[in-house]
PDB file of N, CA and C in Angstrom:
ATOM      1  N   MET A   1     -50.431  -7.791 -32.653  1.00  0.00           N
ATOM      2  CA  MET A   1     -49.517  -6.925 -31.917  1.00  0.00           C
ATOM      3  C   MET A   1     -49.687  -7.165 -30.425  1.00  0.00           C
ATOM      4  N   ASN A   2     -48.575  -7.407 -29.741  1.00  0.00           N
ATOM      5  CA  ASN A   2     -48.612  -7.633 -28.302  1.00  0.00           C
ATOM      6  C   ASN A   2     -48.853  -6.323 -27.567  1.00  0.00           C
ATOM      7  N   PRO A   3     -49.588  -6.381 -26.455  1.00  0.00           N
ATOM      8  CA  PRO A   3     -49.778  -5.151 -25.673  1.00  0.00           C
ATOM      9  C   PRO A   3     -48.458  -4.722 -25.047  1.00  0.00           C
ATOM     10  N   GLN A   4     -48.324  -3.415 -24.852  1.00  0.00           N
ATOM     11  CA  GLN A   4     -47.108  -2.897 -24.236  1.00  0.00           C
ATOM     12  C   GLN A   4     -47.004  -3.399 -22.808  1.00  0.00           C
ATOM     13  N   PRO A   5     -45.821  -3.870 -22.365  1.00  0.00           N
ATOM     14  CA  PRO A   5     -45.669  -4.324 -20.990  1.00  0.00           C
ATOM     15  C   PRO A   5     -45.830  -3.145 -20.025  1.00  0.00           C
ATOM     16  N   ARG A   6     -46.250  -3.461 -18.803  1.00  0.00           N
ATOM     17  CA  ARG A   6     -46.414  -2.430 -17.773  1.00  0.00           C
ATOM     18  C   ARG A   6     -45.051  -2.076 -17.209  1.00  0.00           C
ATOM     19  N   PHE A   7     -44.752  -0.782 -17.092  1.00  0.00           N
ATOM     20  CA  PHE A   7     -43.518  -0.280 -16.518  1.00  0.00           C
ATOM     21  C   PHE A   7     -43.864   0.592 -15.324  1.00  0.00           C
ATOM     22  N   THR A   8     -43.203   0.379 -14.178  1.00  0.00           N
ATOM     23  CA  THR A   8     -43.394   1.191 -12.985  1.00  0.00           C
ATOM     24  C   THR A   8     -42.033   1.556 -12.426  1.00  0.00           C
ATOM     25  N   LEU A   9     -41.742   2.849 -12.348  1.00  0.00           N
ATOM     26  CA  LEU A   9     -40.481   3.275 -11.744  1.00  0.00           C
ATOM     27  C   LEU A   9     -40.523   2.896 -10.281  1.00  0.00           C
ATOM     28  N   ALA A  10     -39.619   2.002  -9.859  1.00  0.00           N
ATOM     29  CA  ALA A  10     -39.674   1.438  -8.515  1.00  0.00           C
ATOM     30  C   ALA A  10     -38.648   2.038  -7.565  1.00  0.00           C
ATOM     31  N   ALA A  11     -37.527   2.517  -8.079  1.00  0.00           N
ATOM     32  CA  ALA A  11     -36.497   3.027  -7.183  1.00  0.00           C
ATOM     33  C   ALA A  11     -35.468   3.812  -7.963  1.00  0.00           C
ATOM     34  N   THR A  12     -34.736   4.630  -7.265  1.00  0.00           N
ATOM     35  CA  THR A  12     -33.546   5.277  -7.794  1.00  0.00           C
ATOM     36  C   THR A  12     -32.394   4.810  -6.917  1.00  0.00           C
ATOM     37  N   THR A  13     -31.347   4.285  -7.526  1.00  0.00           N
ATOM     38  CA  THR A  13     -30.223   3.728  -6.791  1.00  0.00           C
ATOM     39  C   THR A  13     -29.022   4.653  -6.946  1.00  0.00           C
ATOM     40  N   LEU A  14     -28.417   5.038  -5.825  1.00  0.00           N
ATOM     41  CA  LEU A  14     -27.241   5.891  -5.831  1.00  0.00           C
ATOM     42  C   LEU A  14     -26.040   5.085  -5.364  1.00  0.00           C
ATOM     43  N   ASP A  15     -24.955   5.153  -6.101  1.00  0.00           N
ATOM     44  CA  ASP A  15     -23.715   4.505  -5.705  1.00  0.00           C
ATOM     45  C   ASP A  15     -22.920   5.493  -4.860  1.00  0.00           C
ATOM     46  N   ALA A  16     -22.290   5.017  -3.811  1.00  0.00           N
ATOM     47  CA  ALA A  16     -21.518   5.896  -2.926  1.00  0.00           C
ATOM     48  C   ALA A  16     -20.446   5.083  -2.217  1.00  0.00           C
ATOM     49  N   PRO A  17     -19.351   5.726  -1.838  1.00  0.00           N
ATOM     50  CA  PRO A  17     -18.313   5.010  -1.086  1.00  0.00           C
ATOM     51  C   PRO A  17     -18.842   4.454   0.241  1.00  0.00           C
ATOM     52  N   ASP A  18     -19.795   5.148   0.869  1.00  0.00           N
ATOM     53  CA  ASP A  18     -20.377   4.706   2.134  1.00  0.00           C
ATOM     54  C   ASP A  18     -21.893   4.798   2.033  1.00  0.00           C
ATOM     55  N   ALA A  19     -22.542   3.671   1.740  1.00  0.00           N
ATOM     56  CA  ALA A  19     -23.997   3.649   1.533  1.00  0.00           C
ATOM     57  C   ALA A  19     -24.754   4.118   2.764  1.00  0.00           C
ATOM     58  N   HIS A  20     -24.281   3.740   3.934  1.00  0.00           N
ATOM     59  CA  HIS A  20     -24.976   4.117   5.169  1.00  0.00           C
ATOM     60  C   HIS A  20     -24.923   5.631   5.409  1.00  0.00           C
ATOM     61  N   GLU A  21     -23.765   6.221   5.151  1.00  0.00           N
ATOM     62  CA  GLU A  21     -23.625   7.664   5.325  1.00  0.00           C
ATOM     63  C   GLU A  21     -24.535   8.422   4.355  1.00  0.00           C
ATOM     64  N   LEU A  22     -24.573   7.982   3.103  1.00  0.00           N
ATOM     65  CA  LEU A  22     -25.427   8.642   2.121  1.00  0.00           C
ATOM     66  C   LEU A  22     -26.901   8.451   2.466  1.00  0.00           C
ATOM     67  N   ALA A  23     -27.268   7.253   2.916  1.00  0.00           N
ATOM     68  CA  ALA A  23     -28.663   6.994   3.305  1.00  0.00           C
ATOM     69  C   ALA A  23     -29.067   7.881   4.478  1.00  0.00           C
ATOM     70  N   GLN A  24     -28.158   8.082   5.414  1.00  0.00           N
ATOM     71  CA  GLN A  24     -28.460   8.957   6.552  1.00  0.00           C
ATOM     72  C   GLN A  24     -28.697  10.394   6.089  1.00  0.00           C
ATOM     73  N   PHE A  25     -27.918  10.829   5.088  1.00  0.00           N
ATOM     74  CA  PHE A  25     -28.109  12.162   4.536  1.00  0.00           C
ATOM     75  C   PHE A  25     -29.509  12.290   3.944  1.00  0.00           C
ATOM     76  N   TYR A  26     -29.887  11.359   3.055  1.00  0.00           N
ATOM     77  CA  TYR A  26     -31.200  11.443   2.403  1.00  0.00           C
ATOM     78  C   TYR A  26     -32.338  11.182   3.389  1.00  0.00           C
ATOM     79  N   GLN A  27     -32.087  10.346   4.378  1.00  0.00           N
ATOM     80  CA  GLN A  27     -33.098  10.116   5.401  1.00  0.00           C
ATOM     81  C   GLN A  27     -33.376  11.426   6.138  1.00  0.00           C
ATOM     82  N   ALA A  28     -32.332  12.153   6.496  1.00  0.00           N
ATOM     83  CA  ALA A  28     -32.501  13.432   7.179  1.00  0.00           C
ATOM     84  C   ALA A  28     -33.098  14.488   6.251  1.00  0.00           C
ATOM     85  N   LEU A  29     -32.667  14.492   4.996  1.00  0.00           N
ATOM     86  CA  LEU A  29     -33.148  15.477   4.034  1.00  0.00           C
ATOM     87  C   LEU A  29     -34.622  15.276   3.707  1.00  0.00           C
ATOM     88  N   LEU A  30     -35.010  14.027   3.466  1.00  0.00           N
ATOM     89  CA  LEU A  30     -36.365  13.725   3.006  1.00  0.00           C
ATOM     90  C   LEU A  30     -37.314  13.278   4.111  1.00  0.00           C
ATOM     91  N   GLY A  31     -36.747  12.884   5.256  1.00  0.00           N
ATOM     92  CA  GLY A  31     -37.588  12.381   6.340  1.00  0.00           C
ATOM     93  C   GLY A  31     -38.126  10.986   6.078  1.00  0.00           C
ATOM     94  N   TRP A  32     -37.465  10.235   5.225  1.00  0.00           N
ATOM     95  CA  TRP A  32     -37.915   8.880   4.887  1.00  0.00           C
ATOM     96  C   TRP A  32     -37.269   7.863   5.821  1.00  0.00           C
ATOM     97  N   PRO A  33     -38.016   6.861   6.260  1.00  0.00           N
ATOM     98  CA  PRO A  33     -37.432   5.815   7.111  1.00  0.00           C
ATOM     99  C   PRO A  33     -36.601   4.825   6.289  1.00  0.00           C
ATOM    100  N   MET A  34     -35.691   4.148   6.976  1.00  0.00           N
ATOM    101  CA  MET A  34     -34.918   3.081   6.333  1.00  0.00           C
ATOM    102  C   MET A  34     -35.795   1.839   6.257  1.00  0.00           C
ATOM    103  N   ARG A  35     -35.856   1.227   5.070  1.00  0.00           N
ATOM    104  CA  ARG A  35     -36.634  -0.004   4.880  1.00  0.00           C
ATOM    105  C   ARG A  35     -35.766  -1.244   4.982  1.00  0.00           C
ATOM    106  N   LYS A  36     -34.527  -1.136   4.522  1.00  0.00           N
ATOM    107  CA  LYS A  36     -33.650  -2.308   4.473  1.00  0.00           C
ATOM    108  C   LYS A  36     -32.222  -1.837   4.697  1.00  0.00           C
ATOM    109  N   VAL A  37     -31.513  -2.501   5.599  1.00  0.00           N
ATOM    110  CA  VAL A  37     -30.116  -2.151   5.880  1.00  0.00           C
ATOM    111  C   VAL A  37     -29.296  -3.430   5.793  1.00  0.00           C
ATOM    112  N   GLU A  38     -28.316  -3.442   4.908  1.00  0.00           N
ATOM    113  CA  GLU A  38     -27.407  -4.572   4.741  1.00  0.00           C
ATOM    114  C   GLU A  38     -25.996  -4.015   4.630  1.00  0.00           C
ATOM    115  N   THR A  39     -25.013  -4.862   4.622  1.00  0.00           N
ATOM    116  CA  THR A  39     -23.636  -4.426   4.428  1.00  0.00           C
ATOM    117  C   THR A  39     -23.515  -3.815   3.034  1.00  0.00           C
ATOM    118  N   GLY A  40     -23.187  -2.538   2.974  1.00  0.00           N
ATOM    119  CA  GLY A  40     -23.002  -1.863   1.694  1.00  0.00           C
ATOM    120  C   GLY A  40     -24.282  -1.511   0.966  1.00  0.00           C
ATOM    121  N   TRP A  41     -25.438  -1.664   1.600  1.00  0.00           N
ATOM    122  CA  TRP A  41     -26.715  -1.422   0.924  1.00  0.00           C
ATOM    123  C   TRP A  41     -27.746  -0.923   1.931  1.00  0.00           C
ATOM    124  N   VAL A  42     -28.406   0.177   1.595  1.00  0.00           N
ATOM    125  CA  VAL A  42     -29.472   0.713   2.433  1.00  0.00           C
ATOM    126  C   VAL A  42     -30.603   1.172   1.521  1.00  0.00           C
ATOM    127  N   GLU A  43     -31.837   0.841   1.890  1.00  0.00           N
ATOM    128  CA  GLU A  43     -33.009   1.346   1.168  1.00  0.00           C
ATOM    129  C   GLU A  43     -33.772   2.278   2.081  1.00  0.00           C
ATOM    130  N   ILE A  44     -34.101   3.465   1.555  1.00  0.00           N
ATOM    131  CA  ILE A  44     -35.006   4.364   2.258  1.00  0.00           C
ATOM    132  C   ILE A  44     -36.181   4.620   1.317  1.00  0.00           C
ATOM    133  N   ALA A  45     -37.341   4.927   1.878  1.00  0.00           N
ATOM    134  CA  ALA A  45     -38.529   5.174   1.062  1.00  0.00           C
ATOM    135  C   ALA A  45     -39.529   5.971   1.878  1.00  0.00           C
ATOM    136  N   PRO A  46     -40.451   6.652   1.205  1.00  0.00           N
ATOM    137  CA  PRO A  46     -41.502   7.348   1.938  1.00  0.00           C
ATOM    138  C   PRO A  46     -42.269   6.350   2.806  1.00  0.00           C
ATOM    139  N   ALA A  47     -42.735   6.809   3.955  1.00  0.00           N
ATOM    140  CA  ALA A  47     -43.453   5.922   4.878  1.00  0.00           C
ATOM    141  C   ALA A  47     -44.655   5.263   4.211  1.00  0.00           C
ATOM    142  N   ASP A  48     -45.307   5.971   3.282  1.00  0.00           N
ATOM    143  CA  ASP A  48     -46.482   5.393   2.615  1.00  0.00           C
ATOM    144  C   ASP A  48     -46.108   4.547   1.404  1.00  0.00           C
ATOM    145  N   GLY A  49     -44.813   4.451   1.093  1.00  0.00           N
ATOM    146  CA  GLY A  49     -44.343   3.620  -0.011  1.00  0.00           C
ATOM    147  C   GLY A  49     -44.493   4.250  -1.375  1.00  0.00           C
ATOM    148  N   SER A  50     -45.003   5.472  -1.456  1.00  0.00           N
ATOM    149  CA  SER A  50     -45.195   6.101  -2.764  1.00  0.00           C
ATOM    150  C   SER A  50     -43.859   6.536  -3.344  1.00  0.00           C
ATOM    151  N   PRO A  51     -43.762   6.520  -4.674  1.00  0.00           N
ATOM    152  CA  PRO A  51     -42.496   6.933  -5.290  1.00  0.00           C
ATOM    153  C   PRO A  51     -42.319   8.441  -5.244  1.00  0.00           C
ATOM    154  N   SER A  52     -41.076   8.858  -5.343  1.00  0.00           N
ATOM    155  CA  SER A  52     -40.772  10.288  -5.419  1.00  0.00           C
ATOM    156  C   SER A  52     -41.250  10.820  -6.762  1.00  0.00           C
ATOM    157  N   THR A  53     -41.641  12.079  -6.800  1.00  0.00           N
ATOM    158  CA  THR A  53     -42.082  12.668  -8.067  1.00  0.00           C
ATOM    159  C   THR A  53     -40.956  13.380  -8.788  1.00  0.00           C
ATOM    160  N   ARG A  54     -39.824  13.535  -8.139  1.00  0.00           N
ATOM    161  CA  ARG A  54     -38.689  14.211  -8.775  1.00  0.00           C
ATOM    162  C   ARG A  54     -38.107  13.287  -9.833  1.00  0.00           C
ATOM    163  N   SER A  55     -37.888  13.795 -11.032  1.00  0.00           N
ATOM    164  CA  SER A  55     -37.401  12.936 -12.108  1.00  0.00           C
ATOM    165  C   SER A  55     -36.199  13.528 -12.836  1.00  0.00           C
ATOM    166  N   GLU A  56     -35.529  14.499 -12.240  1.00  0.00           N
ATOM    167  CA  GLU A  56     -34.364  15.083 -12.892  1.00  0.00           C
ATOM    168  C   GLU A  56     -33.224  14.081 -12.951  1.00  0.00           C
ATOM    169  N   GLN A  57     -32.548  14.031 -14.083  1.00  0.00           N
ATOM    170  CA  GLN A  57     -31.417  13.131 -14.239  1.00  0.00           C
ATOM    171  C   GLN A  57     -30.237  13.673 -13.458  1.00  0.00           C
ATOM    172  N   GLN A  58     -29.587  12.830 -12.703  1.00  0.00           N
ATOM    173  CA  GLN A  58     -28.413  13.184 -11.944  1.00  0.00           C
ATOM    174  C   GLN A  58     -27.274  12.252 -12.326  1.00  0.00           C
ATOM    175  N   MET A  59     -26.046  12.689 -12.122  1.00  0.00           N
ATOM    176  CA  MET A  59     -24.894  11.844 -12.375  1.00  0.00           C
ATOM    177  C   MET A  59     -24.784  10.791 -11.266  1.00  0.00           C
ATOM    178  N   MET A  60     -24.093   9.688 -11.537  1.00  0.00           N
ATOM    179  CA  MET A  60     -23.809   8.627 -10.574  1.00  0.00           C
ATOM    180  C   MET A  60     -25.066   7.959 -10.032  1.00  0.00           C
ATOM    181  N   MET A  61     -26.045   7.756 -10.864  1.00  0.00           N
ATOM    182  CA  MET A  61     -27.234   7.034 -10.436  1.00  0.00           C
ATOM    183  C   MET A  61     -27.807   6.270 -11.625  1.00  0.00           C
ATOM    184  N   HIS A  62     -28.642   5.314 -11.310  1.00  0.00           N
ATOM    185  CA  HIS A  62     -29.381   4.637 -12.361  1.00  0.00           C
ATOM    186  C   HIS A  62     -30.778   4.346 -11.851  1.00  0.00           C
ATOM    187  N   LEU A  63     -31.678   4.064 -12.751  1.00  0.00           N
ATOM    188  CA  LEU A  63     -33.059   3.785 -12.399  1.00  0.00           C
ATOM    189  C   LEU A  63     -33.287   2.282 -12.302  1.00  0.00           C
ATOM    190  N   ASP A  64     -34.024   1.850 -11.294  1.00  0.00           N
ATOM    191  CA  ASP A  64     -34.506   0.476 -11.186  1.00  0.00           C
ATOM    192  C   ASP A  64     -35.984   0.526 -11.550  1.00  0.00           C
ATOM    193  N   ILE A  65     -36.359  -0.125 -12.632  1.00  0.00           N
ATOM    194  CA  ILE A  65     -37.727  -0.060 -13.136  1.00  0.00           C
ATOM    195  C   ILE A  65     -38.359  -1.437 -13.056  1.00  0.00           C
ATOM    196  N   GLU A  66     -39.436  -1.532 -12.286  1.00  0.00           N
ATOM    197  CA  GLU A  66     -40.159  -2.796 -12.153  1.00  0.00           C
ATOM    198  C   GLU A  66     -41.025  -3.013 -13.386  1.00  0.00           C
ATOM    199  N   VAL A  67     -41.000  -4.237 -13.912  1.00  0.00           N
ATOM    200  CA  VAL A  67     -41.813  -4.605 -15.073  1.00  0.00           C
ATOM    201  C   VAL A  67     -42.576  -5.890 -14.748  1.00  0.00           C
ATOM    202  N   ASN A  68     -43.610  -6.174 -15.513  1.00  0.00           N
ATOM    203  CA  ASN A  68     -44.372  -7.395 -15.260  1.00  0.00           C
ATOM    204  C   ASN A  68     -43.877  -8.576 -16.091  1.00  0.00           C
ATOM    205  N   ASP A  69     -43.076  -8.335 -17.108  1.00  0.00           N
ATOM    206  CA  ASP A  69     -42.525  -9.402 -17.941  1.00  0.00           C
ATOM    207  C   ASP A  69     -41.159  -8.941 -18.426  1.00  0.00           C
ATOM    208  N   LEU A  70     -40.099  -9.566 -17.909  1.00  0.00           N
ATOM    209  CA  LEU A  70     -38.746  -9.090 -18.171  1.00  0.00           C
ATOM    210  C   LEU A  70     -38.377  -9.168 -19.650  1.00  0.00           C
ATOM    211  N   SER A  71     -38.645 -10.277 -20.296  1.00  0.00           N
ATOM    212  CA  SER A  71     -38.204 -10.416 -21.691  1.00  0.00           C
ATOM    213  C   SER A  71     -38.933  -9.444 -22.618  1.00  0.00           C
ATOM    214  N   SER A  72     -40.241  -9.279 -22.457  1.00  0.00           N
ATOM    215  CA  SER A  72     -40.946  -8.334 -23.327  1.00  0.00           C
ATOM    216  C   SER A  72     -40.580  -6.892 -22.995  1.00  0.00           C
ATOM    217  N   ALA A  73     -40.279  -6.617 -21.725  1.00  0.00           N
ATOM    218  CA  ALA A  73     -39.865  -5.269 -21.340  1.00  0.00           C
ATOM    219  C   ALA A  73     -38.512  -4.929 -21.959  1.00  0.00           C
ATOM    220  N   VAL A  74     -37.591  -5.894 -21.964  1.00  0.00           N
ATOM    221  CA  VAL A  74     -36.287  -5.670 -22.589  1.00  0.00           C
ATOM    222  C   VAL A  74     -36.474  -5.431 -24.085  1.00  0.00           C
ATOM    223  N   GLU A  75     -37.282  -6.247 -24.737  1.00  0.00           N
ATOM    224  CA  GLU A  75     -37.550  -6.074 -26.169  1.00  0.00           C
ATOM    225  C   GLU A  75     -38.114  -4.690 -26.455  1.00  0.00           C
ATOM    226  N   HIS A  76     -39.053  -4.251 -25.619  1.00  0.00           N
ATOM    227  CA  HIS A  76     -39.675  -2.939 -25.796  1.00  0.00           C
ATOM    228  C   HIS A  76     -38.640  -1.832 -25.623  1.00  0.00           C
ATOM    229  N   ALA A  77     -37.803  -1.926 -24.590  1.00  0.00           N
ATOM    230  CA  ALA A  77     -36.767  -0.917 -24.362  1.00  0.00           C
ATOM    231  C   ALA A  77     -35.773  -0.875 -25.520  1.00  0.00           C
ATOM    232  N   LEU A  78     -35.399  -2.046 -26.029  1.00  0.00           N
ATOM    233  CA  LEU A  78     -34.484  -2.103 -27.168  1.00  0.00           C
ATOM    234  C   LEU A  78     -35.105  -1.446 -28.399  1.00  0.00           C
ATOM    235  N   ALA A  79     -36.385  -1.679 -28.606  1.00  0.00           N
ATOM    236  CA  ALA A  79     -37.079  -1.076 -29.746  1.00  0.00           C
ATOM    237  C   ALA A  79     -37.122   0.446 -29.643  1.00  0.00           C
ATOM    238  N   LEU A  80     -37.079   0.950 -28.423  1.00  0.00           N
ATOM    239  CA  LEU A  80     -37.095   2.400 -28.208  1.00  0.00           C
ATOM    240  C   LEU A  80     -35.710   3.024 -28.275  1.00  0.00           C
ATOM    241  N   GLY A  81     -34.660   2.191 -28.400  1.00  0.00           N
ATOM    242  CA  GLY A  81     -33.307   2.716 -28.541  1.00  0.00           C
ATOM    243  C   GLY A  81     -32.342   2.358 -27.435  1.00  0.00           C
ATOM    244  N   ALA A  82     -32.763   1.572 -26.455  1.00  0.00           N
ATOM    245  CA  ALA A  82     -31.860   1.131 -25.389  1.00  0.00           C
ATOM    246  C   ALA A  82     -30.902   0.069 -25.932  1.00  0.00           C
ATOM    247  N   THR A  83     -29.814  -0.150 -25.208  1.00  0.00           N
ATOM    248  CA  THR A  83     -28.893  -1.235 -25.526  1.00  0.00           C
ATOM    249  C   THR A  83     -28.645  -2.033 -24.250  1.00  0.00           C
ATOM    250  N   VAL A  84     -28.365  -3.311 -24.412  1.00  0.00           N
ATOM    251  CA  VAL A  84     -28.111  -4.191 -23.275  1.00  0.00           C
ATOM    252  C   VAL A  84     -26.643  -4.063 -22.866  1.00  0.00           C
ATOM    253  N   ALA A  85     -26.410  -3.904 -21.589  1.00  0.00           N
ATOM    254  CA  ALA A  85     -25.040  -3.830 -21.071  1.00  0.00           C
ATOM    255  C   ALA A  85     -24.360  -5.189 -21.208  1.00  0.00           C
ATOM    256  N   ASP A  86     -23.066  -5.194 -21.436  1.00  0.00           N
ATOM    257  CA  ASP A  86     -22.318  -6.447 -21.530  1.00  0.00           C
ATOM    258  C   ASP A  86     -22.344  -7.206 -20.204  1.00  0.00           C
ATOM    259  N   PHE A  87     -22.183  -6.485 -19.099  1.00  0.00           N
ATOM    260  CA  PHE A  87     -22.137  -7.117 -17.785  1.00  0.00           C
ATOM    261  C   PHE A  87     -23.539  -7.175 -17.192  1.00  0.00           C
ATOM    262  N   GLN A  88     -23.988  -8.376 -16.844  1.00  0.00           N
ATOM    263  CA  GLN A  88     -25.298  -8.607 -16.235  1.00  0.00           C
ATOM    264  C   GLN A  88     -25.063  -9.294 -14.888  1.00  0.00           C
ATOM    265  N   PRO A  89     -25.115  -8.545 -13.771  1.00  0.00           N
ATOM    266  CA  PRO A  89     -24.747  -9.115 -12.476  1.00  0.00           C
ATOM    267  C   PRO A  89     -25.775 -10.056 -11.853  1.00  0.00           C
ATOM    268  N   GLN A  90     -27.008 -10.039 -12.343  1.00  0.00           N
ATOM    269  CA  GLN A  90     -28.053 -10.879 -11.754  1.00  0.00           C
ATOM    270  C   GLN A  90     -28.885 -11.518 -12.855  1.00  0.00           C
ATOM    271  N   ASP A  91     -29.362 -12.747 -12.593  1.00  0.00           N
ATOM    272  CA  ASP A  91     -30.177 -13.453 -13.577  1.00  0.00           C
ATOM    273  C   ASP A  91     -31.569 -12.853 -13.734  1.00  0.00           C
ATOM    274  N   ASP A  92     -32.106 -12.261 -12.671  1.00  0.00           N
ATOM    275  CA  ASP A  92     -33.486 -11.767 -12.701  1.00  0.00           C
ATOM    276  C   ASP A  92     -33.582 -10.258 -12.915  1.00  0.00           C
ATOM    277  N   VAL A  93     -32.476  -9.636 -13.339  1.00  0.00           N
ATOM    278  CA  VAL A  93     -32.419  -8.204 -13.613  1.00  0.00           C
ATOM    279  C   VAL A  93     -31.693  -8.020 -14.938  1.00  0.00           C
ATOM    280  N   ARG A  94     -32.130  -7.052 -15.735  1.00  0.00           N
ATOM    281  CA  ARG A  94     -31.420  -6.733 -16.964  1.00  0.00           C
ATOM    282  C   ARG A  94     -30.924  -5.293 -16.863  1.00  0.00           C
ATOM    283  N   VAL A  95     -29.613  -5.138 -17.050  1.00  0.00           N
ATOM    284  CA  VAL A  95     -29.002  -3.816 -17.074  1.00  0.00           C
ATOM    285  C   VAL A  95     -28.953  -3.373 -18.525  1.00  0.00           C
ATOM    286  N   LEU A  96     -29.474  -2.172 -18.765  1.00  0.00           N
ATOM    287  CA  LEU A  96     -29.474  -1.596 -20.108  1.00  0.00           C
ATOM    288  C   LEU A  96     -28.941  -0.175 -20.043  1.00  0.00           C
ATOM    289  N   PHE A  97     -28.685   0.410 -21.210  1.00  0.00           N
ATOM    290  CA  PHE A  97     -28.299   1.810 -21.315  1.00  0.00           C
ATOM    291  C   PHE A  97     -29.352   2.541 -22.125  1.00  0.00           C
ATOM    292  N   ASP A  98     -29.725   3.734 -21.672  1.00  0.00           N
ATOM    293  CA  ASP A  98     -30.648   4.539 -22.464  1.00  0.00           C
ATOM    294  C   ASP A  98     -29.885   5.089 -23.666  1.00  0.00           C
ATOM    295  N   PRO A  99     -30.560   5.752 -24.613  1.00  0.00           N
ATOM    296  CA  PRO A  99     -29.866   6.231 -25.806  1.00  0.00           C
ATOM    297  C   PRO A  99     -28.718   7.202 -25.534  1.00  0.00           C
ATOM    298  N   ALA A 100     -28.723   7.865 -24.372  1.00  0.00           N
ATOM    299  CA  ALA A 100     -27.636   8.777 -24.023  1.00  0.00           C
ATOM    300  C   ALA A 100     -26.514   8.071 -23.266  1.00  0.00           C
ATOM    301  N   GLY A 101     -26.687   6.766 -22.994  1.00  0.00           N
ATOM    302  CA  GLY A 101     -25.646   6.002 -22.318  1.00  0.00           C
ATOM    303  C   GLY A 101     -25.811   5.866 -20.823  1.00  0.00           C
ATOM    304  N   HIS A 102     -26.935   6.325 -20.257  1.00  0.00           N
ATOM    305  CA  HIS A 102     -27.172   6.192 -18.820  1.00  0.00           C
ATOM    306  C   HIS A 102     -27.703   4.794 -18.506  1.00  0.00           C
ATOM    307  N   PRO A 103     -27.143   4.131 -17.495  1.00  0.00           N
ATOM    308  CA  PRO A 103     -27.600   2.784 -17.155  1.00  0.00           C
ATOM    309  C   PRO A 103     -28.937   2.801 -16.426  1.00  0.00           C
ATOM    310  N   PHE A 104     -29.718   1.746 -16.640  1.00  0.00           N
ATOM    311  CA  PHE A 104     -30.938   1.506 -15.868  1.00  0.00           C
ATOM    312  C   PHE A 104     -31.181   0.013 -15.821  1.00  0.00           C
ATOM    313  N   CYS A 105     -31.946  -0.426 -14.820  1.00  0.00           N
ATOM    314  CA  CYS A 105     -32.227  -1.848 -14.645  1.00  0.00           C
ATOM    315  C   CYS A 105     -33.719  -2.109 -14.785  1.00  0.00           C
ATOM    316  N   LEU A 106     -34.054  -3.207 -15.415  1.00  0.00           N
ATOM    317  CA  LEU A 106     -35.423  -3.704 -15.462  1.00  0.00           C
ATOM    318  C   LEU A 106     -35.468  -4.966 -14.621  1.00  0.00           C
ATOM    319  N   PHE A 107     -36.537  -5.123 -13.815  1.00  0.00           N
ATOM    320  CA  PHE A 107     -36.653  -6.305 -12.984  1.00  0.00           C
ATOM    321  C   PHE A 107     -38.121  -6.643 -12.760  1.00  0.00           C
ATOM    322  N   VAL A 108     -38.381  -7.909 -12.445  1.00  0.00           N
ATOM    323  CA  VAL A 108     -39.702  -8.380 -12.034  1.00  0.00           C
ATOM    324  C   VAL A 108     -39.624  -8.645 -10.554  1.00  0.00           C
ATOM    325  N   ARG A 109     -40.533  -8.031  -9.792  1.00  0.00           N
ATOM    326  CA  ARG A 109     -40.536  -8.221  -8.335  1.00  0.00           C
ATOM    327  C   ARG A 109     -40.920  -9.664  -8.025  1.00  0.00           C
ATOM    328  N   THR A 110     -40.156 -10.278  -7.134  1.00  0.00           N
ATOM    329  CA  THR A 110     -40.443 -11.642  -6.701  1.00  0.00           C
ATOM    330  C   THR A 110     -40.515 -11.651  -5.182  1.00  0.00           C
ATOM    331  N   GLY A 111     -40.991 -12.714  -4.627  1.00  0.00           N
ATOM    332  CA  GLY A 111     -41.053 -12.833  -3.175  1.00  0.00           C
ATOM    333  C   GLY A 111     -42.392 -12.399  -2.602  1.00  0.00           C
ATOM    334  N   PRO A 112     -42.466 -12.235  -1.276  1.00  0.00           N
ATOM    335  CA  PRO A 112     -43.726 -11.974  -0.605  1.00  0.00           C
ATOM    336  C   PRO A 112     -44.403 -10.659  -0.991  1.00  0.00           C
ATOM    337  N   SER A 113     -43.632  -9.649  -1.409  1.00  0.00           N
ATOM    338  CA  SER A 113     -44.249  -8.376  -1.753  1.00  0.00           C
ATOM    339  C   SER A 113     -44.605  -8.277  -3.230  1.00  0.00           C
ATOM    340  N   ALA A 114     -44.464  -9.388  -3.968  1.00  0.00           N
ATOM    341  CA  ALA A 114     -44.720  -9.369  -5.411  1.00  0.00           C
ATOM    342  C   ALA A 114     -46.197  -9.214  -5.720  1.00  0.00           C
TER     343      ALA A 114
END
């Protein structure tokens, strides 16, 4: 039996008509600095990099979950009742749906912060 892959909740992604406006709202609400600003994309996070402890499900969002092995993580999620989305926008990310139909992404961190 293979050991269970490591799963770490890495981010919560919110879709919005204006990413910068929404990021400014949460930045003011939470006091978190902006980490990354691009056209149509903004990342904010606690200054110490720790994840938020709030875990309530909200509409119009999905979870980005960092894993150490993408293929085994997908297999594990499928075994627990997830399904793979038809549309996969990136090669290094897998979009899945939880049993209630909420989307979430599994990814392996790459690059200098990996």
